[in-house]
Amino acid sequence: MTAPTGQTVADFLGAGNDPALVALAGQHVTVVTAMCRAYVRGNGFDGAEPAADLAAVITAAAARLVANPEQIDTQAGSTSVRGGFRGWSLAELFVLDAYRGRAS
């Protein structure tokens, strides 16, 4: 799998034809990729290309970040949106921890 892009994340969200969302997602992919690379200490990356499962983590985490770019808790009627990206999900950590080198 190639490195996720803004288009990848926008497609994942079902809005791949929205140029503004693609651009926003592209900015978030850069940030999430850097956090992912730091978390796994570079393991699972071949240059700029993450392994397929890491690319899936980057896509999913960037999609959460794009869904609430302000990162502010909001409530509209009975719908409540928490602050968006608050770290890796449990499923993402399962993948990330397989690549993370542990200190001994």
PDB file of N, CA and C in Angstrom:
ATOM      1  N   MET A   1       0.854  -1.188   0.000  1.00  0.00           N
ATOM      2  CA  MET A   1       0.000   0.000   0.000  1.00  0.00           C
ATOM      3  C   MET A   1       0.889   1.237   0.000  1.00  0.00           C
ATOM      4  N   THR A   2       0.467   2.231  -0.715  1.00  0.00           N
ATOM      5  CA  THR A   2       1.220   3.480  -0.744  1.00  0.00           C
ATOM      6  C   THR A   2       0.845   4.331   0.462  1.00  0.00           C
ATOM      7  N   ALA A   3       1.627   5.338   0.702  1.00  0.00           N
ATOM      8  CA  ALA A   3       1.370   6.237   1.828  1.00  0.00           C
ATOM      9  C   ALA A   3       0.008   6.909   1.650  1.00  0.00           C
ATOM     10  N   PRO A   4      -0.771   7.007   2.720  1.00  0.00           N
ATOM     11  CA  PRO A   4      -2.069   7.679   2.630  1.00  0.00           C
ATOM     12  C   PRO A   4      -1.906   9.140   2.219  1.00  0.00           C
ATOM     13  N   THR A   5      -2.909   9.640   1.526  1.00  0.00           N
ATOM     14  CA  THR A   5      -2.944  11.034   1.084  1.00  0.00           C
ATOM     15  C   THR A   5      -4.262  11.645   1.540  1.00  0.00           C
ATOM     16  N   GLY A   6      -4.419  12.914   1.290  1.00  0.00           N
ATOM     17  CA  GLY A   6      -5.692  13.560   1.576  1.00  0.00           C
ATOM     18  C   GLY A   6      -6.821  12.920   0.801  1.00  0.00           C
ATOM     19  N   GLN A   7      -6.538  12.497  -0.424  1.00  0.00           N
ATOM     20  CA  GLN A   7      -7.556  11.831  -1.237  1.00  0.00           C
ATOM     21  C   GLN A   7      -7.953  10.495  -0.610  1.00  0.00           C
ATOM     22  N   THR A   8      -6.980   9.761  -0.087  1.00  0.00           N
ATOM     23  CA  THR A   8      -7.259   8.480   0.567  1.00  0.00           C
ATOM     24  C   THR A   8      -8.223   8.667   1.728  1.00  0.00           C
ATOM     25  N   VAL A   9      -7.951   9.668   2.566  1.00  0.00           N
ATOM     26  CA  VAL A   9      -8.789   9.924   3.740  1.00  0.00           C
ATOM     27  C   VAL A   9     -10.167  10.420   3.315  1.00  0.00           C
ATOM     28  N   ALA A  10     -10.229  11.312   2.346  1.00  0.00           N
ATOM     29  CA  ALA A  10     -11.519  11.822   1.870  1.00  0.00           C
ATOM     30  C   ALA A  10     -12.355  10.685   1.277  1.00  0.00           C
ATOM     31  N   ASP A  11     -11.720   9.797   0.526  1.00  0.00           N
ATOM     32  CA  ASP A  11     -12.428   8.636  -0.016  1.00  0.00           C
ATOM     33  C   ASP A  11     -12.939   7.749   1.114  1.00  0.00           C
ATOM     34  N   PHE A  12     -12.124   7.548   2.136  1.00  0.00           N
ATOM     35  CA  PHE A  12     -12.506   6.750   3.303  1.00  0.00           C
ATOM     36  C   PHE A  12     -13.743   7.341   3.981  1.00  0.00           C
ATOM     37  N   LEU A  13     -13.828   8.662   3.996  1.00  0.00           N
ATOM     38  CA  LEU A  13     -14.972   9.353   4.593  1.00  0.00           C
ATOM     39  C   LEU A  13     -16.161   9.454   3.635  1.00  0.00           C
ATOM     40  N   GLY A  14     -15.994   8.977   2.413  1.00  0.00           N
ATOM     41  CA  GLY A  14     -17.083   9.019   1.439  1.00  0.00           C
ATOM     42  C   GLY A  14     -17.285  10.374   0.796  1.00  0.00           C
ATOM     43  N   ALA A  15     -16.261  11.225   0.850  1.00  0.00           N
ATOM     44  CA  ALA A  15     -16.374  12.568   0.283  1.00  0.00           C
ATOM     45  C   ALA A  15     -15.162  12.898  -0.581  1.00  0.00           C
ATOM     46  N   GLY A  16     -14.729  11.922  -1.358  1.00  0.00           N
ATOM     47  CA  GLY A  16     -13.540  12.092  -2.180  1.00  0.00           C
ATOM     48  C   GLY A  16     -13.659  13.119  -3.279  1.00  0.00           C
ATOM     49  N   ASN A  17     -14.876  13.581  -3.551  1.00  0.00           N
ATOM     50  CA  ASN A  17     -15.058  14.588  -4.609  1.00  0.00           C
ATOM     51  C   ASN A  17     -15.134  16.003  -4.053  1.00  0.00           C
ATOM     52  N   ASP A  18     -14.833  16.197  -2.779  1.00  0.00           N
ATOM     53  CA  ASP A  18     -14.852  17.525  -2.147  1.00  0.00           C
ATOM     54  C   ASP A  18     -13.417  18.039  -2.049  1.00  0.00           C
ATOM     55  N   PRO A  19     -13.014  18.961  -2.935  1.00  0.00           N
ATOM     56  CA  PRO A  19     -11.620  19.422  -2.943  1.00  0.00           C
ATOM     57  C   PRO A  19     -11.179  20.063  -1.628  1.00  0.00           C
ATOM     58  N   ALA A  20     -12.080  20.756  -0.944  1.00  0.00           N
ATOM     59  CA  ALA A  20     -11.707  21.383   0.333  1.00  0.00           C
ATOM     60  C   ALA A  20     -11.407  20.312   1.375  1.00  0.00           C
ATOM     61  N   LEU A  21     -12.200  19.258   1.399  1.00  0.00           N
ATOM     62  CA  LEU A  21     -11.970  18.173   2.351  1.00  0.00           C
ATOM     63  C   LEU A  21     -10.689  17.420   2.019  1.00  0.00           C
ATOM     64  N   VAL A  22     -10.433  17.216   0.739  1.00  0.00           N
ATOM     65  CA  VAL A  22      -9.190  16.548   0.319  1.00  0.00           C
ATOM     66  C   VAL A  22      -7.980  17.357   0.784  1.00  0.00           C
ATOM     67  N   ALA A  23      -8.035  18.664   0.637  1.00  0.00           N
ATOM     68  CA  ALA A  23      -6.928  19.533   1.059  1.00  0.00           C
ATOM     69  C   ALA A  23      -6.745  19.492   2.580  1.00  0.00           C
ATOM     70  N   LEU A  24      -7.847  19.587   3.322  1.00  0.00           N
ATOM     71  CA  LEU A  24      -7.777  19.519   4.785  1.00  0.00           C
ATOM     72  C   LEU A  24      -7.230  18.173   5.229  1.00  0.00           C
ATOM     73  N   ALA A  25      -7.726  17.106   4.612  1.00  0.00           N
ATOM     74  CA  ALA A  25      -7.260  15.760   4.958  1.00  0.00           C
ATOM     75  C   ALA A  25      -5.770  15.604   4.670  1.00  0.00           C
ATOM     76  N   GLY A  26      -5.304  16.225   3.600  1.00  0.00           N
ATOM     77  CA  GLY A  26      -3.878  16.166   3.278  1.00  0.00           C
ATOM     78  C   GLY A  26      -3.015  16.769   4.364  1.00  0.00           C
ATOM     79  N   GLN A  27      -3.465  17.855   4.949  1.00  0.00           N
ATOM     80  CA  GLN A  27      -2.724  18.473   6.055  1.00  0.00           C
ATOM     81  C   GLN A  27      -2.713  17.550   7.271  1.00  0.00           C
ATOM     82  N   HIS A  28      -3.859  16.933   7.555  1.00  0.00           N
ATOM     83  CA  HIS A  28      -3.950  16.061   8.721  1.00  0.00           C
ATOM     84  C   HIS A  28      -3.171  14.766   8.528  1.00  0.00           C
ATOM     85  N   VAL A  29      -3.125  14.248   7.306  1.00  0.00           N
ATOM     86  CA  VAL A  29      -2.355  13.031   7.039  1.00  0.00           C
ATOM     87  C   VAL A  29      -0.878  13.258   7.362  1.00  0.00           C
ATOM     88  N   THR A  30      -0.377  14.425   7.025  1.00  0.00           N
ATOM     89  CA  THR A  30       1.027  14.741   7.304  1.00  0.00           C
ATOM     90  C   THR A  30       1.308  14.685   8.803  1.00  0.00           C
ATOM     91  N   VAL A  31       0.433  15.266   9.587  1.00  0.00           N
ATOM     92  CA  VAL A  31       0.604  15.294  11.045  1.00  0.00           C
ATOM     93  C   VAL A  31       0.484  13.884  11.637  1.00  0.00           C
ATOM     94  N   VAL A  32      -0.554  13.152  11.236  1.00  0.00           N
ATOM     95  CA  VAL A  32      -0.782  11.818  11.792  1.00  0.00           C
ATOM     96  C   VAL A  32       0.338  10.864  11.372  1.00  0.00           C
ATOM     97  N   THR A  33       0.833  11.002  10.149  1.00  0.00           N
ATOM     98  CA  THR A  33       1.949  10.164   9.706  1.00  0.00           C
ATOM     99  C   THR A  33       3.184  10.419  10.557  1.00  0.00           C
ATOM    100  N   ALA A  34       3.461  11.678  10.863  1.00  0.00           N
ATOM    101  CA  ALA A  34       4.612  12.006  11.709  1.00  0.00           C
ATOM    102  C   ALA A  34       4.442  11.411  13.104  1.00  0.00           C
ATOM    103  N   MET A  35       3.222  11.487  13.655  1.00  0.00           N
ATOM    104  CA  MET A  35       2.984  10.906  14.982  1.00  0.00           C
ATOM    105  C   MET A  35       3.127   9.390  14.942  1.00  0.00           C
ATOM    106  N   CYS A  36       2.636   8.777  13.874  1.00  0.00           N
ATOM    107  CA  CYS A  36       2.744   7.329  13.720  1.00  0.00           C
ATOM    108  C   CYS A  36       4.207   6.908  13.622  1.00  0.00           C
ATOM    109  N   ARG A  37       4.961   7.602  12.784  1.00  0.00           N
ATOM    110  CA  ARG A  37       6.385   7.270  12.614  1.00  0.00           C
ATOM    111  C   ARG A  37       7.133   7.411  13.940  1.00  0.00           C
ATOM    112  N   ALA A  38       6.817   8.447  14.697  1.00  0.00           N
ATOM    113  CA  ALA A  38       7.467   8.635  15.994  1.00  0.00           C
ATOM    114  C   ALA A  38       7.075   7.527  16.968  1.00  0.00           C
ATOM    115  N   TYR A  39       5.802   7.148  16.981  1.00  0.00           N
ATOM    116  CA  TYR A  39       5.332   6.128  17.919  1.00  0.00           C
ATOM    117  C   TYR A  39       6.007   4.786  17.666  1.00  0.00           C
ATOM    118  N   VAL A  40       6.170   4.424  16.395  1.00  0.00           N
ATOM    119  CA  VAL A  40       6.781   3.127  16.077  1.00  0.00           C
ATOM    120  C   VAL A  40       8.294   3.243  15.910  1.00  0.00           C
ATOM    121  N   ARG A  41       8.818   4.433  16.164  1.00  0.00           N
ATOM    122  CA  ARG A  41      10.257   4.696  16.082  1.00  0.00           C
ATOM    123  C   ARG A  41      10.822   4.347  14.704  1.00  0.00           C
ATOM    124  N   GLY A  42      10.011   4.639  13.678  1.00  0.00           N
ATOM    125  CA  GLY A  42      10.447   4.417  12.300  1.00  0.00           C
ATOM    126  C   GLY A  42      10.270   2.998  11.800  1.00  0.00           C
ATOM    127  N   ASN A  43       9.963   2.071  12.686  1.00  0.00           N
ATOM    128  CA  ASN A  43       9.760   0.680  12.271  1.00  0.00           C
ATOM    129  C   ASN A  43       8.491   0.593  11.428  1.00  0.00           C
ATOM    130  N   GLY A  44       8.524  -0.221  10.384  1.00  0.00           N
ATOM    131  CA  GLY A  44       7.362  -0.389   9.523  1.00  0.00           C
ATOM    132  C   GLY A  44       7.280   0.629   8.399  1.00  0.00           C
ATOM    133  N   PHE A  45       8.273   1.488   8.294  1.00  0.00           N
ATOM    134  CA  PHE A  45       8.326   2.463   7.207  1.00  0.00           C
ATOM    135  C   PHE A  45       9.508   2.124   6.312  1.00  0.00           C
ATOM    136  N   ASP A  46       9.272   2.162   5.011  1.00  0.00           N
ATOM    137  CA  ASP A  46      10.332   1.999   4.028  1.00  0.00           C
ATOM    138  C   ASP A  46      10.458   3.355   3.344  1.00  0.00           C
ATOM    139  N   GLY A  47      11.325   4.189   3.866  1.00  0.00           N
ATOM    140  CA  GLY A  47      11.393   5.574   3.411  1.00  0.00           C
ATOM    141  C   GLY A  47      10.132   6.285   3.866  1.00  0.00           C
ATOM    142  N   ALA A  48       9.367   6.822   2.923  1.00  0.00           N
ATOM    143  CA  ALA A  48       8.114   7.510   3.261  1.00  0.00           C
ATOM    144  C   ALA A  48       6.915   6.574   3.237  1.00  0.00           C
ATOM    145  N   GLU A  49       7.130   5.323   2.835  1.00  0.00           N
ATOM    146  CA  GLU A  49       6.032   4.370   2.667  1.00  0.00           C
ATOM    147  C   GLU A  49       5.817   3.537   3.932  1.00  0.00           C
ATOM    148  N   PRO A  50       4.644   3.672   4.563  1.00  0.00           N
ATOM    149  CA  PRO A  50       4.347   2.822   5.713  1.00  0.00           C
ATOM    150  C   PRO A  50       3.864   1.451   5.246  1.00  0.00           C
ATOM    151  N   ALA A  51       4.024   0.456   6.105  1.00  0.00           N
ATOM    152  CA  ALA A  51       3.446  -0.860   5.839  1.00  0.00           C
ATOM    153  C   ALA A  51       1.929  -0.696   5.700  1.00  0.00           C
ATOM    154  N   ALA A  52       1.278  -1.641   5.055  1.00  0.00           N
ATOM    155  CA  ALA A  52      -0.157  -1.536   4.771  1.00  0.00           C
ATOM    156  C   ALA A  52      -0.989  -1.346   6.031  1.00  0.00           C
ATOM    157  N   ASP A  53      -0.662  -2.060   7.106  1.00  0.00           N
ATOM    158  CA  ASP A  53      -1.462  -1.907   8.326  1.00  0.00           C
ATOM    159  C   ASP A  53      -1.214  -0.562   8.994  1.00  0.00           C
ATOM    160  N   LEU A  54       0.002  -0.028   8.891  1.00  0.00           N
ATOM    161  CA  LEU A  54       0.255   1.317   9.413  1.00  0.00           C
ATOM    162  C   LEU A  54      -0.459   2.362   8.571  1.00  0.00           C
ATOM    163  N   ALA A  55      -0.526   2.155   7.261  1.00  0.00           N
ATOM    164  CA  ALA A  55      -1.262   3.081   6.394  1.00  0.00           C
ATOM    165  C   ALA A  55      -2.738   3.099   6.773  1.00  0.00           C
ATOM    166  N   ALA A  56      -3.278   1.945   7.140  1.00  0.00           N
ATOM    167  CA  ALA A  56      -4.676   1.886   7.577  1.00  0.00           C
ATOM    168  C   ALA A  56      -4.873   2.658   8.876  1.00  0.00           C
ATOM    169  N   VAL A  57      -3.927   2.551   9.798  1.00  0.00           N
ATOM    170  CA  VAL A  57      -3.992   3.309  11.054  1.00  0.00           C
ATOM    171  C   VAL A  57      -3.943   4.804  10.763  1.00  0.00           C
ATOM    172  N   ILE A  58      -3.045   5.218   9.903  1.00  0.00           N
ATOM    173  CA  ILE A  58      -2.917   6.634   9.553  1.00  0.00           C
ATOM    174  C   ILE A  58      -4.211   7.146   8.926  1.00  0.00           C
ATOM    175  N   THR A  59      -4.787   6.365   8.035  1.00  0.00           N
ATOM    176  CA  THR A  59      -6.033   6.768   7.372  1.00  0.00           C
ATOM    177  C   THR A  59      -7.160   6.931   8.383  1.00  0.00           C
ATOM    178  N   ALA A  60      -7.325   5.946   9.256  1.00  0.00           N
ATOM    179  CA  ALA A  60      -8.421   5.991  10.239  1.00  0.00           C
ATOM    180  C   ALA A  60      -8.239   7.137  11.230  1.00  0.00           C
ATOM    181  N   ALA A  61      -7.024   7.322  11.727  1.00  0.00           N
ATOM    182  CA  ALA A  61      -6.773   8.386  12.706  1.00  0.00           C
ATOM    183  C   ALA A  61      -6.923   9.767  12.055  1.00  0.00           C
ATOM    184  N   ALA A  62      -6.441   9.915  10.829  1.00  0.00           N
ATOM    185  CA  ALA A  62      -6.588  11.194  10.127  1.00  0.00           C
ATOM    186  C   ALA A  62      -8.059  11.489   9.853  1.00  0.00           C
ATOM    187  N   ALA A  63      -8.837  10.466   9.561  1.00  0.00           N
ATOM    188  CA  ALA A  63     -10.274  10.667   9.320  1.00  0.00           C
ATOM    189  C   ALA A  63     -10.955  11.192  10.581  1.00  0.00           C
ATOM    190  N   ARG A  64     -10.579  10.683  11.751  1.00  0.00           N
ATOM    191  CA  ARG A  64     -11.149  11.195  13.007  1.00  0.00           C
ATOM    192  C   ARG A  64     -10.776  12.656  13.205  1.00  0.00           C
ATOM    193  N   LEU A  65      -9.552  12.984  12.887  1.00  0.00           N
ATOM    194  CA  LEU A  65      -9.081  14.356  13.040  1.00  0.00           C
ATOM    195  C   LEU A  65      -9.791  15.286  12.055  1.00  0.00           C
ATOM    196  N   VAL A  66      -9.984  14.847  10.827  1.00  0.00           N
ATOM    197  CA  VAL A  66     -10.665  15.654   9.812  1.00  0.00           C
ATOM    198  C   VAL A  66     -12.129  15.876  10.178  1.00  0.00           C
ATOM    199  N   ALA A  67     -12.752  14.877  10.806  1.00  0.00           N
ATOM    200  CA  ALA A  67     -14.167  14.975  11.149  1.00  0.00           C
ATOM    201  C   ALA A  67     -14.445  16.096  12.148  1.00  0.00           C
ATOM    202  N   ASN A  68     -13.445  16.474  12.941  1.00  0.00           N
ATOM    203  CA  ASN A  68     -13.607  17.564  13.903  1.00  0.00           C
ATOM    204  C   ASN A  68     -12.290  18.341  13.972  1.00  0.00           C
ATOM    205  N   PRO A  69     -11.962  19.108  12.913  1.00  0.00           N
ATOM    206  CA  PRO A  69     -10.660  19.771  12.861  1.00  0.00           C
ATOM    207  C   PRO A  69     -10.447  20.816  13.945  1.00  0.00           C
ATOM    208  N   GLU A  70     -11.531  21.371  14.487  1.00  0.00           N
ATOM    209  CA  GLU A  70     -11.371  22.373  15.539  1.00  0.00           C
ATOM    210  C   GLU A  70     -10.944  21.742  16.858  1.00  0.00           C
ATOM    211  N   GLN A  71     -11.195  20.421  17.004  1.00  0.00           N
ATOM    212  CA  GLN A  71     -10.844  19.687  18.218  1.00  0.00           C
ATOM    213  C   GLN A  71     -11.534  20.258  19.451  1.00  0.00           C
ATOM    214  N   ILE A  72     -12.751  20.753  19.272  1.00  0.00           N
ATOM    215  CA  ILE A  72     -13.524  21.350  20.359  1.00  0.00           C
ATOM    216  C   ILE A  72     -14.775  20.515  20.574  1.00  0.00           C
ATOM    217  N   ASP A  73     -15.095  20.224  21.848  1.00  0.00           N
ATOM    218  CA  ASP A  73     -16.334  19.527  22.160  1.00  0.00           C
ATOM    219  C   ASP A  73     -17.515  20.401  21.744  1.00  0.00           C
ATOM    220  N   THR A  74     -18.480  19.803  21.054  1.00  0.00           N
ATOM    221  CA  THR A  74     -19.670  20.543  20.650  1.00  0.00           C
ATOM    222  C   THR A  74     -20.913  19.696  20.897  1.00  0.00           C
ATOM    223  N   GLN A  75     -22.038  20.363  20.993  1.00  0.00           N
ATOM    224  CA  GLN A  75     -23.300  19.659  21.135  1.00  0.00           C
ATOM    225  C   GLN A  75     -24.362  20.424  20.355  1.00  0.00           C
ATOM    226  N   ALA A  76     -25.099  19.692  19.528  1.00  0.00           N
ATOM    227  CA  ALA A  76     -26.205  20.252  18.761  1.00  0.00           C
ATOM    228  C   ALA A  76     -27.413  19.369  18.998  1.00  0.00           C
ATOM    229  N   GLY A  77     -28.340  19.853  19.807  1.00  0.00           N
ATOM    230  CA  GLY A  77     -29.502  19.032  20.148  1.00  0.00           C
ATOM    231  C   GLY A  77     -29.068  17.824  20.956  1.00  0.00           C
ATOM    232  N   SER A  78     -29.425  16.644  20.493  1.00  0.00           N
ATOM    233  CA  SER A  78     -29.056  15.434  21.210  1.00  0.00           C
ATOM    234  C   SER A  78     -27.746  14.830  20.711  1.00  0.00           C
ATOM    235  N   THR A  79     -27.108  15.495  19.733  1.00  0.00           N
ATOM    236  CA  THR A  79     -25.848  14.992  19.188  1.00  0.00           C
ATOM    237  C   THR A  79     -24.678  15.692  19.864  1.00  0.00           C
ATOM    238  N   SER A  80     -23.772  14.891  20.392  1.00  0.00           N
ATOM    239  CA  SER A  80     -22.593  15.422  21.064  1.00  0.00           C
ATOM    240  C   SER A  80     -21.349  14.924  20.344  1.00  0.00           C
ATOM    241  N   VAL A  81     -20.419  15.830  20.068  1.00  0.00           N
ATOM    242  CA  VAL A  81     -19.158  15.475  19.435  1.00  0.00           C
ATOM    243  C   VAL A  81     -18.043  15.836  20.397  1.00  0.00           C
ATOM    244  N   ARG A  82     -17.269  14.836  20.782  1.00  0.00           N
ATOM    245  CA  ARG A  82     -16.122  15.083  21.660  1.00  0.00           C
ATOM    246  C   ARG A  82     -14.994  15.699  20.851  1.00  0.00           C
ATOM    247  N   GLY A  83     -13.933  16.057  21.481  1.00  0.00           N
ATOM    248  CA  GLY A  83     -12.854  16.817  20.883  1.00  0.00           C
ATOM    249  C   GLY A  83     -12.082  16.172  19.755  1.00  0.00           C
ATOM    250  N   GLY A  84     -12.555  15.086  19.151  1.00  0.00           N
ATOM    251  CA  GLY A  84     -11.878  14.512  18.000  1.00  0.00           C
ATOM    252  C   GLY A  84     -10.725  13.615  18.376  1.00  0.00           C
ATOM    253  N   PHE A  85      -9.570  13.868  17.808  1.00  0.00           N
ATOM    254  CA  PHE A  85      -8.414  13.000  18.014  1.00  0.00           C
ATOM    255  C   PHE A  85      -7.846  13.226  19.403  1.00  0.00           C
ATOM    256  N   ARG A  86      -7.960  12.207  20.238  1.00  0.00           N
ATOM    257  CA  ARG A  86      -7.413  12.267  21.599  1.00  0.00           C
ATOM    258  C   ARG A  86      -6.373  11.183  21.799  1.00  0.00           C
ATOM    259  N   GLY A  87      -5.764  10.784  20.735  1.00  0.00           N
ATOM    260  CA  GLY A  87      -4.778   9.724  20.793  1.00  0.00           C
ATOM    261  C   GLY A  87      -5.223   8.547  19.952  1.00  0.00           C
ATOM    262  N   TRP A  88      -4.438   7.509  19.983  1.00  0.00           N
ATOM    263  CA  TRP A  88      -4.712   6.311  19.193  1.00  0.00           C
ATOM    264  C   TRP A  88      -5.842   5.512  19.817  1.00  0.00           C
ATOM    265  N   SER A  89      -6.671   4.922  18.971  1.00  0.00           N
ATOM    266  CA  SER A  89      -7.730   4.037  19.458  1.00  0.00           C
ATOM    267  C   SER A  89      -7.098   2.712  19.886  1.00  0.00           C
ATOM    268  N   LEU A  90      -7.857   1.900  20.583  1.00  0.00           N
ATOM    269  CA  LEU A  90      -7.358   0.600  21.033  1.00  0.00           C
ATOM    270  C   LEU A  90      -6.960  -0.269  19.838  1.00  0.00           C
ATOM    271  N   ALA A  91      -7.777  -0.279  18.801  1.00  0.00           N
ATOM    272  CA  ALA A  91      -7.465  -1.076  17.606  1.00  0.00           C
ATOM    273  C   ALA A  91      -6.188  -0.562  16.929  1.00  0.00           C
ATOM    274  N   GLU A  92      -6.024   0.760  16.879  1.00  0.00           N
ATOM    275  CA  GLU A  92      -4.813   1.331  16.276  1.00  0.00           C
ATOM    276  C   GLU A  92      -3.579   0.974  17.097  1.00  0.00           C
ATOM    277  N   LEU A  93      -3.716   1.031  18.419  1.00  0.00           N
ATOM    278  CA  LEU A  93      -2.588   0.675  19.280  1.00  0.00           C
ATOM    279  C   LEU A  93      -2.171  -0.777  19.100  1.00  0.00           C
ATOM    280  N   PHE A  94      -3.136  -1.647  18.853  1.00  0.00           N
ATOM    281  CA  PHE A  94      -2.827  -3.053  18.619  1.00  0.00           C
ATOM    282  C   PHE A  94      -1.875  -3.184  17.440  1.00  0.00           C
ATOM    283  N   VAL A  95      -2.135  -2.431  16.367  1.00  0.00           N
ATOM    284  CA  VAL A  95      -1.272  -2.459  15.184  1.00  0.00           C
ATOM    285  C   VAL A  95       0.049  -1.757  15.475  1.00  0.00           C
ATOM    286  N   LEU A  96      -0.014  -0.565  16.050  1.00  0.00           N
ATOM    287  CA  LEU A  96       1.189   0.222  16.297  1.00  0.00           C
ATOM    288  C   LEU A  96       2.167  -0.496  17.234  1.00  0.00           C
ATOM    289  N   ASP A  97       1.634  -1.131  18.264  1.00  0.00           N
ATOM    290  CA  ASP A  97       2.503  -1.786  19.236  1.00  0.00           C
ATOM    291  C   ASP A  97       3.261  -2.965  18.644  1.00  0.00           C
ATOM    292  N   ALA A  98       2.747  -3.537  17.568  1.00  0.00           N
ATOM    293  CA  ALA A  98       3.469  -4.625  16.902  1.00  0.00           C
ATOM    294  C   ALA A  98       4.760  -4.115  16.257  1.00  0.00           C
ATOM    295  N   TYR A  99       4.818  -2.825  15.945  1.00  0.00           N
ATOM    296  CA  TYR A  99       6.004  -2.235  15.325  1.00  0.00           C
ATOM    297  C   TYR A  99       6.883  -1.483  16.305  1.00  0.00           C
ATOM    298  N   ARG A 100       6.333  -1.119  17.421  1.00  0.00           N
ATOM    299  CA  ARG A 100       7.065  -0.274  18.375  1.00  0.00           C
ATOM    300  C   ARG A 100       8.148  -1.081  19.049  1.00  0.00           C
ATOM    301  N   GLY A 101       9.355  -0.581  18.986  1.00  0.00           N
ATOM    302  CA  GLY A 101      10.458  -1.233  19.682  1.00  0.00           C
ATOM    303  C   GLY A 101      10.397  -0.890  21.171  1.00  0.00           C
ATOM    304  N   ARG A 102      10.449  -1.879  22.001  1.00  0.00           N
ATOM    305  CA  ARG A 102      10.381  -1.657  23.458  1.00  0.00           C
ATOM    306  C   ARG A 102      11.791  -1.580  24.041  1.00  0.00           C
ATOM    307  N   ALA A 103      11.954  -0.688  24.998  1.00  0.00           N
ATOM    308  CA  ALA A 103      13.226  -0.587  25.721  1.00  0.00           C
ATOM    309  C   ALA A 103      13.377  -1.800  26.628  1.00  0.00           C
ATOM    310  N   SER A 104      14.590  -2.259  26.760  1.00  0.00           N
ATOM    311  CA  SER A 104      14.794  -3.423  27.642  1.00  0.00           C
ATOM    312  C   SER A 104      15.704  -3.094  28.798  1.00  0.00           C
TER     313      SER A 104
END
